[in-house]
N, C-alpha and C. Protein backbone atom coordinates (compact mmCIF):
# COMPACT_ATOMS: atom_id res chain seq x y z
N MET A 1 29.88 -39.54 -17.88
CA MET A 1 29.34 -38.38 -18.89
C MET A 1 30.33 -38.21 -19.54
N SER A 2 30.06 -37.98 -20.73
CA SER A 2 31.06 -37.75 -21.76
C SER A 2 31.76 -36.51 -22.00
N ALA A 3 32.74 -36.80 -22.31
CA ALA A 3 34.02 -35.23 -22.89
C ALA A 3 33.05 -34.30 -23.33
N ARG A 4 32.14 -34.47 -24.02
CA ARG A 4 31.78 -32.86 -24.49
C ARG A 4 30.93 -32.16 -23.23
N ARG A 5 30.48 -33.31 -22.70
CA ARG A 5 29.22 -32.64 -21.33
C ARG A 5 30.29 -31.92 -20.37
N VAL A 6 31.43 -32.75 -20.67
CA VAL A 6 32.51 -32.17 -19.38
C VAL A 6 32.79 -30.73 -20.02
N GLY A 7 33.00 -30.71 -20.98
CA GLY A 7 34.04 -29.92 -21.85
C GLY A 7 32.57 -28.37 -21.34
N LEU A 8 30.83 -28.56 -21.97
CA LEU A 8 30.11 -27.74 -22.17
C LEU A 8 30.00 -27.37 -20.22
N ALA A 9 30.19 -28.30 -19.40
CA ALA A 9 29.72 -27.87 -17.88
C ALA A 9 31.30 -26.95 -17.07
N ALA A 10 31.93 -27.03 -17.78
CA ALA A 10 33.46 -26.18 -17.55
C ALA A 10 33.60 -24.95 -18.20
N VAL A 11 32.48 -24.74 -19.75
CA VAL A 11 32.65 -23.00 -19.94
C VAL A 11 31.15 -22.70 -19.22
N ALA A 12 30.34 -23.44 -18.93
CA ALA A 12 29.05 -22.67 -18.42
C ALA A 12 29.19 -22.48 -16.55
N ILE A 13 30.08 -23.46 -16.02
CA ILE A 13 30.65 -22.65 -14.95
C ILE A 13 32.00 -21.77 -14.89
N VAL A 14 32.65 -21.40 -16.01
CA VAL A 14 33.39 -20.30 -16.21
C VAL A 14 33.21 -18.84 -16.62
N ALA A 15 32.05 -19.46 -17.11
CA ALA A 15 31.01 -18.29 -17.49
C ALA A 15 30.61 -17.45 -16.48
N PHE A 16 29.55 -18.58 -15.62
CA PHE A 16 28.70 -18.04 -14.70
C PHE A 16 29.90 -17.02 -13.59
N GLY A 17 31.00 -17.66 -13.37
CA GLY A 17 32.28 -17.28 -12.42
C GLY A 17 32.16 -16.12 -12.78
N PHE A 18 32.46 -15.49 -14.54
CA PHE A 18 32.87 -14.28 -14.81
C PHE A 18 31.87 -13.21 -14.63
N LEU A 19 30.29 -13.63 -14.95
CA LEU A 19 29.26 -13.09 -14.38
C LEU A 19 29.23 -11.92 -13.19
N VAL A 20 29.40 -13.58 -12.17
CA VAL A 20 29.29 -13.00 -10.71
C VAL A 20 30.55 -12.03 -10.84
N GLU A 21 31.70 -12.24 -11.34
CA GLU A 21 32.91 -11.35 -10.53
C GLU A 21 32.77 -9.72 -11.59
N THR A 22 32.44 -9.78 -12.89
CA THR A 22 31.53 -8.50 -13.32
C THR A 22 31.14 -7.93 -12.17
N ARG A 23 29.86 -8.39 -12.17
CA ARG A 23 28.70 -7.70 -11.13
C ARG A 23 29.45 -7.29 -9.83
N ALA A 24 30.32 -7.97 -9.70
CA ALA A 24 30.86 -8.02 -7.81
C ALA A 24 31.60 -6.13 -8.45
N LEU A 25 31.99 -6.37 -9.71
CA LEU A 25 32.99 -5.09 -9.37
C LEU A 25 32.74 -3.84 -10.30
N ALA A 26 31.13 -4.16 -10.00
CA ALA A 26 30.42 -2.44 -11.28
C ALA A 26 30.37 -1.79 -10.12
N PRO A 27 30.40 -0.50 -10.56
CA PRO A 27 29.82 0.25 -9.35
C PRO A 27 27.94 0.10 -8.82
N PRO A 28 28.11 0.43 -6.93
CA PRO A 28 27.17 0.45 -6.59
C PRO A 28 26.03 0.87 -7.89
N ALA A 29 24.51 0.73 -7.74
CA ALA A 29 23.64 0.66 -8.75
C ALA A 29 22.81 1.99 -7.64
N GLU A 30 23.29 1.79 -6.22
CA GLU A 30 22.72 2.78 -5.51
C GLU A 30 23.12 4.97 -6.22
N ARG A 31 24.25 4.40 -6.90
CA ARG A 31 24.66 6.48 -7.29
C ARG A 31 23.84 6.40 -8.65
N ASN A 32 22.57 5.38 -8.99
CA ASN A 32 21.92 5.96 -10.08
C ASN A 32 20.76 6.29 -9.96
N LEU A 33 20.39 5.91 -8.57
CA LEU A 33 19.09 6.04 -7.71
C LEU A 33 18.30 7.20 -7.24
N GLN A 34 17.05 6.97 -7.03
CA GLN A 34 17.30 8.85 -6.64
C GLN A 34 17.33 8.22 -5.01
N THR A 35 17.54 9.51 -4.17
CA THR A 35 17.64 9.32 -2.78
C THR A 35 16.25 8.79 -2.37
N ALA A 36 16.48 7.89 -0.88
CA ALA A 36 15.13 7.95 0.00
C ALA A 36 14.16 9.20 -0.45
N ALA A 37 14.38 9.90 0.37
CA ALA A 37 13.41 11.10 0.37
C ALA A 37 12.59 12.05 -1.15
N GLU A 38 13.44 11.22 -2.04
CA GLU A 38 12.90 11.48 -3.23
C GLU A 38 12.03 10.88 -3.92
N ILE A 39 12.07 9.31 -3.22
CA ILE A 39 11.47 8.32 -3.46
C ILE A 39 10.19 8.05 -2.95
N VAL A 40 10.68 8.59 -1.79
CA VAL A 40 9.01 8.66 -0.82
C VAL A 40 8.25 9.55 -1.11
N LYS A 41 9.33 11.17 -1.59
CA LYS A 41 7.97 12.24 -2.13
C LYS A 41 7.14 11.53 -3.35
N ASP A 42 7.47 11.14 -4.14
CA ASP A 42 6.97 10.30 -5.63
C ASP A 42 5.94 9.18 -5.38
N GLN A 43 6.41 8.28 -3.83
CA GLN A 43 5.29 7.92 -3.74
C GLN A 43 4.11 8.59 -3.14
N VAL A 44 4.52 9.64 -2.52
CA VAL A 44 3.30 10.32 -1.52
C VAL A 44 2.44 11.02 -2.63
N LYS A 45 3.37 11.19 -3.89
CA LYS A 45 2.44 11.58 -4.99
C LYS A 45 1.65 10.61 -5.46
N LEU A 46 2.36 9.61 -5.49
CA LEU A 46 1.47 8.26 -6.53
C LEU A 46 0.27 7.71 -5.25
N ILE A 47 0.17 7.77 -4.16
CA ILE A 47 -0.76 7.57 -3.41
C ILE A 47 -2.06 8.43 -3.52
N ALA A 48 -1.66 9.61 -3.76
CA ALA A 48 -2.73 10.53 -3.62
C ALA A 48 -3.55 10.91 -4.40
N MET A 49 -3.11 10.63 -5.92
CA MET A 49 -3.62 10.32 -7.37
C MET A 49 -4.05 9.03 -7.06
N VAL A 50 -3.80 8.01 -6.49
CA VAL A 50 -4.86 6.97 -6.41
C VAL A 50 -5.81 7.25 -5.89
N GLN A 51 -5.74 7.73 -4.69
CA GLN A 51 -6.71 7.88 -3.67
C GLN A 51 -7.83 9.17 -4.05
N LYS A 52 -7.17 9.74 -5.06
CA LYS A 52 -8.21 10.74 -5.88
C LYS A 52 -9.03 9.86 -6.74
N GLU A 53 -8.53 9.00 -7.23
CA GLU A 53 -9.17 7.93 -8.49
C GLU A 53 -10.15 7.40 -7.59
N LEU A 54 -10.07 6.49 -6.48
CA LEU A 54 -10.58 6.07 -5.72
C LEU A 54 -12.32 6.08 -4.88
N LYS A 55 -11.90 7.63 -4.67
CA LYS A 55 -12.94 8.43 -3.77
C LYS A 55 -13.93 8.48 -4.53
N PRO A 56 -14.51 8.56 -5.72
CA PRO A 56 -15.55 8.12 -6.19
C PRO A 56 -16.46 6.68 -6.46
N ARG A 57 -15.17 6.20 -6.55
CA ARG A 57 -15.58 4.85 -7.09
C ARG A 57 -16.67 4.10 -5.83
N LEU A 58 -16.30 4.44 -4.17
CA LEU A 58 -16.79 4.36 -3.00
C LEU A 58 -17.88 5.26 -2.74
N THR A 59 -18.07 6.10 -3.13
CA THR A 59 -19.44 6.81 -2.74
C THR A 59 -20.08 7.00 -3.60
N ALA A 60 -20.19 6.24 -4.72
CA ALA A 60 -20.97 6.41 -6.03
C ALA A 60 -22.31 5.81 -5.72
N PRO A 61 -23.26 6.25 -5.70
CA PRO A 61 -24.44 5.06 -5.45
C PRO A 61 -24.39 4.10 -6.07
N PRO A 62 -24.76 2.67 -5.87
CA PRO A 62 -24.76 1.42 -6.50
C PRO A 62 -25.90 1.53 -7.67
N LEU A 63 -25.00 0.87 -8.52
CA LEU A 63 -26.23 0.51 -9.78
C LEU A 63 -27.30 -0.48 -9.30
N PRO A 64 -28.35 -0.38 -9.98
CA PRO A 64 -29.65 -1.47 -9.17
C PRO A 64 -28.87 -3.10 -9.62
N GLY A 65 -28.91 -4.09 -8.33
CA GLY A 65 -29.09 -5.26 -7.99
C GLY A 65 -27.14 -5.56 -7.49
N GLN A 66 -26.10 -4.22 -8.08
CA GLN A 66 -25.08 -4.19 -7.16
C GLN A 66 -24.86 -4.64 -5.70
N ARG A 67 -24.24 -5.46 -5.69
CA ARG A 67 -23.28 -5.71 -4.23
C ARG A 67 -22.19 -4.74 -3.90
N PHE A 68 -22.23 -5.31 -2.64
CA PHE A 68 -21.21 -4.20 -2.19
C PHE A 68 -20.11 -5.49 -1.47
N LEU A 69 -18.82 -5.23 -2.01
CA LEU A 69 -18.53 -6.45 -1.36
C LEU A 69 -16.65 -5.99 -0.77
N ARG A 70 -16.40 -6.76 0.48
CA ARG A 70 -15.48 -5.94 1.35
C ARG A 70 -14.49 -5.66 0.54
N SER A 71 -14.12 -6.34 -0.95
CA SER A 71 -12.92 -5.87 -1.30
C SER A 71 -12.78 -4.27 -2.22
N ASP A 72 -13.78 -3.97 -2.54
CA ASP A 72 -14.46 -2.58 -2.69
C ASP A 72 -14.15 -2.09 -2.33
N TYR A 73 -13.62 -1.52 -0.80
CA TYR A 73 -13.39 -0.77 0.02
C TYR A 73 -12.05 -0.96 0.94
N ARG A 74 -12.02 -2.77 0.67
CA ARG A 74 -10.00 -3.28 1.22
C ARG A 74 -8.92 -2.08 0.41
N THR A 75 -9.37 -1.91 -0.64
CA THR A 75 -8.10 -1.24 -1.21
C THR A 75 -8.20 -0.01 -0.69
N ASP A 76 -9.46 0.60 -1.16
CA ASP A 76 -8.85 2.40 -0.19
C ASP A 76 -8.18 2.27 0.96
N ILE A 77 -8.43 1.25 1.98
CA ILE A 77 -8.10 1.15 3.15
C ILE A 77 -6.40 0.73 3.33
N VAL A 78 -6.14 0.29 1.99
CA VAL A 78 -4.65 0.07 1.47
C VAL A 78 -4.26 0.93 1.50
N TRP A 79 -4.54 1.94 0.35
CA TRP A 79 -3.47 3.43 -0.29
C TRP A 79 -3.94 4.37 0.90
N SER A 80 -4.94 4.10 1.70
CA SER A 80 -4.96 4.79 2.69
C SER A 80 -3.65 4.91 3.68
N LEU A 81 -3.62 3.52 4.40
CA LEU A 81 -2.79 3.20 5.38
C LEU A 81 -1.35 3.48 4.55
N ARG A 82 -1.05 3.38 2.61
CA ARG A 82 0.02 3.83 2.53
C ARG A 82 0.43 5.00 2.66
N MET A 83 -0.71 6.20 2.08
CA MET A 83 0.25 7.66 2.74
C MET A 83 0.50 7.66 4.17
N VAL A 84 -0.23 6.71 4.98
CA VAL A 84 0.18 6.97 6.37
C VAL A 84 1.71 6.72 6.31
N GLU A 85 1.94 5.17 6.47
CA GLU A 85 3.36 5.05 6.15
C GLU A 85 4.46 5.86 5.76
N LYS A 86 3.93 6.17 4.41
CA LYS A 86 4.98 7.22 3.84
C LYS A 86 5.23 8.32 4.41
N GLN A 87 4.35 9.07 5.01
CA GLN A 87 4.32 10.59 5.90
C GLN A 87 4.65 10.33 7.01
N ARG A 88 5.17 8.68 7.62
CA ARG A 88 6.20 8.66 8.47
C ARG A 88 7.90 8.57 8.41
N GLU A 89 7.55 7.96 7.09
CA GLU A 89 9.01 7.65 6.54
C GLU A 89 9.49 8.64 6.44
N ALA A 90 8.79 10.29 5.73
CA ALA A 90 9.41 11.30 5.59
C ALA A 90 9.85 12.07 6.43
N GLY A 91 9.29 11.77 7.85
CA GLY A 91 10.65 12.24 9.00
C GLY A 91 9.62 13.52 9.92
N ASN A 92 8.41 13.92 8.66
CA ASN A 92 7.64 15.40 9.52
C ASN A 92 6.61 14.84 10.32
N LYS A 93 7.13 14.83 11.54
CA LYS A 93 5.85 14.89 12.73
C LYS A 93 4.75 15.23 12.34
N ALA A 94 4.49 16.54 12.18
CA ALA A 94 3.13 17.14 11.94
C ALA A 94 2.28 16.58 10.41
N GLU A 95 3.26 16.68 9.53
CA GLU A 95 2.17 15.62 8.13
C GLU A 95 2.42 14.43 8.62
N TYR A 96 2.67 13.10 9.45
CA TYR A 96 2.68 12.16 10.16
C TYR A 96 0.87 12.07 10.49
N ILE A 97 0.94 13.32 11.59
CA ILE A 97 0.01 13.25 12.25
C ILE A 97 -1.55 13.60 11.44
N ASP A 98 -1.22 14.63 10.49
CA ASP A 98 -2.38 14.76 9.78
C ASP A 98 -2.59 13.97 8.62
N ALA A 99 -1.64 12.91 8.33
CA ALA A 99 -2.12 11.70 7.63
C ALA A 99 -3.11 10.65 8.22
N LEU A 100 -2.94 10.53 9.88
CA LEU A 100 -2.93 9.64 10.35
C LEU A 100 -4.70 10.21 10.66
N LYS A 101 -4.78 11.41 11.09
CA LYS A 101 -6.20 12.62 11.35
C LYS A 101 -6.83 11.90 9.79
N ASN A 102 -6.29 12.09 8.80
CA ASN A 102 -7.19 12.06 7.33
C ASN A 102 -7.08 10.42 7.37
N HIS A 103 -6.96 9.49 7.53
CA HIS A 103 -6.99 8.08 7.80
C HIS A 103 -8.08 7.90 8.63
N ARG A 104 -8.34 8.49 9.89
CA ARG A 104 -8.90 8.28 11.05
C ARG A 104 -10.39 8.78 10.65
N ASP A 105 -10.61 9.73 9.63
CA ASP A 105 -11.89 10.87 8.99
C ASP A 105 -11.94 9.67 7.83
N PHE A 106 -11.01 9.28 7.26
CA PHE A 106 -11.59 8.29 6.14
C PHE A 106 -12.47 6.92 6.74
N MET A 107 -11.60 6.37 7.56
CA MET A 107 -12.31 5.58 8.11
C MET A 107 -13.66 5.73 8.75
N ARG A 108 -14.02 6.72 9.62
CA ARG A 108 -14.79 7.72 9.77
C ARG A 108 -15.84 7.68 9.00
N ALA A 109 -15.76 7.88 7.78
CA ALA A 109 -16.49 7.87 6.37
C ALA A 109 -17.09 6.70 5.85
N LEU A 110 -16.21 5.65 6.22
CA LEU A 110 -16.30 4.60 5.27
C LEU A 110 -17.16 3.87 6.25
N LEU A 111 -17.31 3.70 7.46
CA LEU A 111 -17.90 2.67 8.33
C LEU A 111 -19.17 2.95 8.50
N ALA A 112 -19.70 4.27 8.04
CA ALA A 112 -20.83 5.26 7.53
C ALA A 112 -21.12 4.65 6.34
N GLU A 113 -20.00 4.91 5.45
CA GLU A 113 -21.29 4.01 4.31
C GLU A 113 -21.47 2.57 4.07
N VAL A 114 -20.01 1.73 4.59
CA VAL A 114 -20.42 0.02 5.04
C VAL A 114 -21.96 0.00 5.65
N LYS A 115 -22.25 0.78 6.77
CA LYS A 115 -23.55 0.40 7.85
C LYS A 115 -24.79 0.57 6.73
N MET A 116 -24.65 2.08 6.43
CA MET A 116 -25.17 2.74 4.98
C MET A 116 -25.70 1.17 4.10
N ARG A 117 -24.95 1.15 3.68
CA ARG A 117 -25.11 -0.18 2.65
C ARG A 117 -25.37 -1.44 3.14
N PHE A 118 -25.26 -1.78 4.27
CA PHE A 118 -25.66 -3.45 4.83
C PHE A 118 -27.38 -2.87 5.41
N ASP A 119 -27.19 -1.59 5.69
CA ASP A 119 -28.93 -1.70 5.87
C ASP A 119 -29.78 -1.42 4.74
N ALA A 120 -28.71 -0.98 3.72
CA ALA A 120 -29.97 -1.15 2.27
C ALA A 120 -30.24 -2.47 1.95
N GLY A 121 -29.23 -3.41 2.07
CA GLY A 121 -29.24 -4.57 1.66
C GLY A 121 -28.35 -5.28 0.47
N LEU A 122 -27.19 -4.33 0.47
CA LEU A 122 -26.59 -4.23 -0.36
C LEU A 122 -25.62 -4.58 0.07
N THR A 123 -25.03 -5.57 1.02
CA THR A 123 -24.04 -6.40 1.41
C THR A 123 -24.77 -7.44 2.23
N GLY A 124 -24.71 -8.35 2.50
CA GLY A 124 -25.17 -9.42 3.37
C GLY A 124 -24.58 -9.68 4.31
N ASN A 125 -23.66 -9.37 4.49
CA ASN A 125 -22.05 -9.62 5.20
C ASN A 125 -22.03 -8.70 6.43
N LEU A 126 -22.59 -9.14 7.65
CA LEU A 126 -22.04 -8.37 8.55
C LEU A 126 -20.74 -7.74 9.45
N LEU A 127 -19.94 -9.16 9.14
CA LEU A 127 -18.58 -8.62 8.68
C LEU A 127 -18.02 -7.53 8.26
N ASP A 128 -18.56 -7.12 7.18
CA ASP A 128 -18.01 -6.49 6.55
C ASP A 128 -18.15 -5.18 7.60
N VAL A 129 -19.10 -4.42 8.32
CA VAL A 129 -19.57 -3.61 9.06
C VAL A 129 -18.30 -3.51 10.72
N TYR A 130 -18.08 -4.83 10.77
CA TYR A 130 -17.25 -5.18 11.67
C TYR A 130 -15.94 -4.87 11.38
N ASP A 131 -15.63 -5.31 10.38
CA ASP A 131 -14.18 -4.99 9.56
C ASP A 131 -14.10 -3.93 9.43
N ALA A 132 -14.74 -3.06 9.47
CA ALA A 132 -14.51 -1.34 9.10
C ALA A 132 -14.86 -0.58 10.59
N GLN A 133 -15.61 -1.43 11.14
CA GLN A 133 -15.24 -0.44 12.79
C GLN A 133 -14.16 -0.96 13.42
N TYR A 134 -13.32 -2.12 12.54
CA TYR A 134 -12.22 -2.35 13.75
C TYR A 134 -11.01 -1.72 12.93
N GLU A 135 -10.98 -1.22 11.87
CA GLU A 135 -10.11 -0.68 11.05
C GLU A 135 -10.51 1.00 11.63
N LEU A 136 -11.61 1.41 11.99
CA LEU A 136 -11.44 2.85 12.38
C LEU A 136 -10.87 2.84 14.04
N MET A 137 -10.88 1.97 14.55
CA MET A 137 -10.14 1.92 15.95
C MET A 137 -8.96 1.78 15.75
N GLU A 138 -8.49 0.97 14.96
CA GLU A 138 -7.22 0.96 14.70
C GLU A 138 -6.76 2.55 14.40
N ALA A 139 -7.00 3.13 13.38
CA ALA A 139 -6.70 4.43 13.31
C ALA A 139 -6.53 5.27 13.92
N GLU A 140 -8.01 4.92 14.99
CA GLU A 140 -7.82 6.03 16.39
C GLU A 140 -6.66 5.60 17.11
N LEU A 141 -6.38 4.27 17.14
CA LEU A 141 -5.66 4.06 18.00
C LEU A 141 -3.77 4.49 17.46
N ARG A 142 -3.66 4.21 16.01
CA ARG A 142 -2.52 5.03 15.81
C ARG A 142 -2.38 6.55 15.87
N LEU A 143 -3.71 6.81 15.70
CA LEU A 143 -3.11 8.92 15.80
C LEU A 143 -2.75 8.47 17.23
N ALA A 144 -4.09 7.90 18.84
CA ALA A 144 -3.55 8.50 19.83
C ALA A 144 -2.11 7.81 20.44
N ARG A 145 -1.41 7.35 19.77
CA ARG A 145 0.07 6.40 19.87
C ARG A 145 1.26 7.85 19.31
N ALA A 146 0.33 8.44 18.30
CA ALA A 146 1.48 9.18 17.35
C ALA A 146 1.53 10.52 17.91
N GLU A 147 0.32 10.91 18.77
CA GLU A 147 0.25 12.26 19.28
C GLU A 147 0.94 12.35 20.80
N ARG A 148 1.21 11.00 21.19
CA ARG A 148 1.26 10.75 22.60
C ARG A 148 3.16 10.87 22.57
N GLU A 149 3.43 10.40 21.31
CA GLU A 149 5.17 10.12 20.87
C GLU A 149 5.87 11.76 21.03
């Protein structure tokens, strides 16, 4: 290795060490961040906004020839579960139970929609129906466990 390369490597090591040291001495970033409770409140607001946007998409009548895919409703389930999780994190049991009930009710409506679309031939996959049935059972189980605690 040439002397020039050794010199460049040494400079790089010193610069890296300086960056590590200055980051270690910097004030904690948490001081500039929102509190966890504020973040959860902001997440709940975002989730509610997304759910409001998604609702018409799922219940809108399909266009002629349009197929209904599992991905069309899996997104809705994910956002509904996010609301449940954020309400649990917020620590208010009554709001958590309400979120679980809303999720269960959403899953009931979703299962009915998936069955209707399957029966109408808009989805050729019976697994979509089974998937929605399973998610409804899971929602009922979560609610029962939370009410028991």
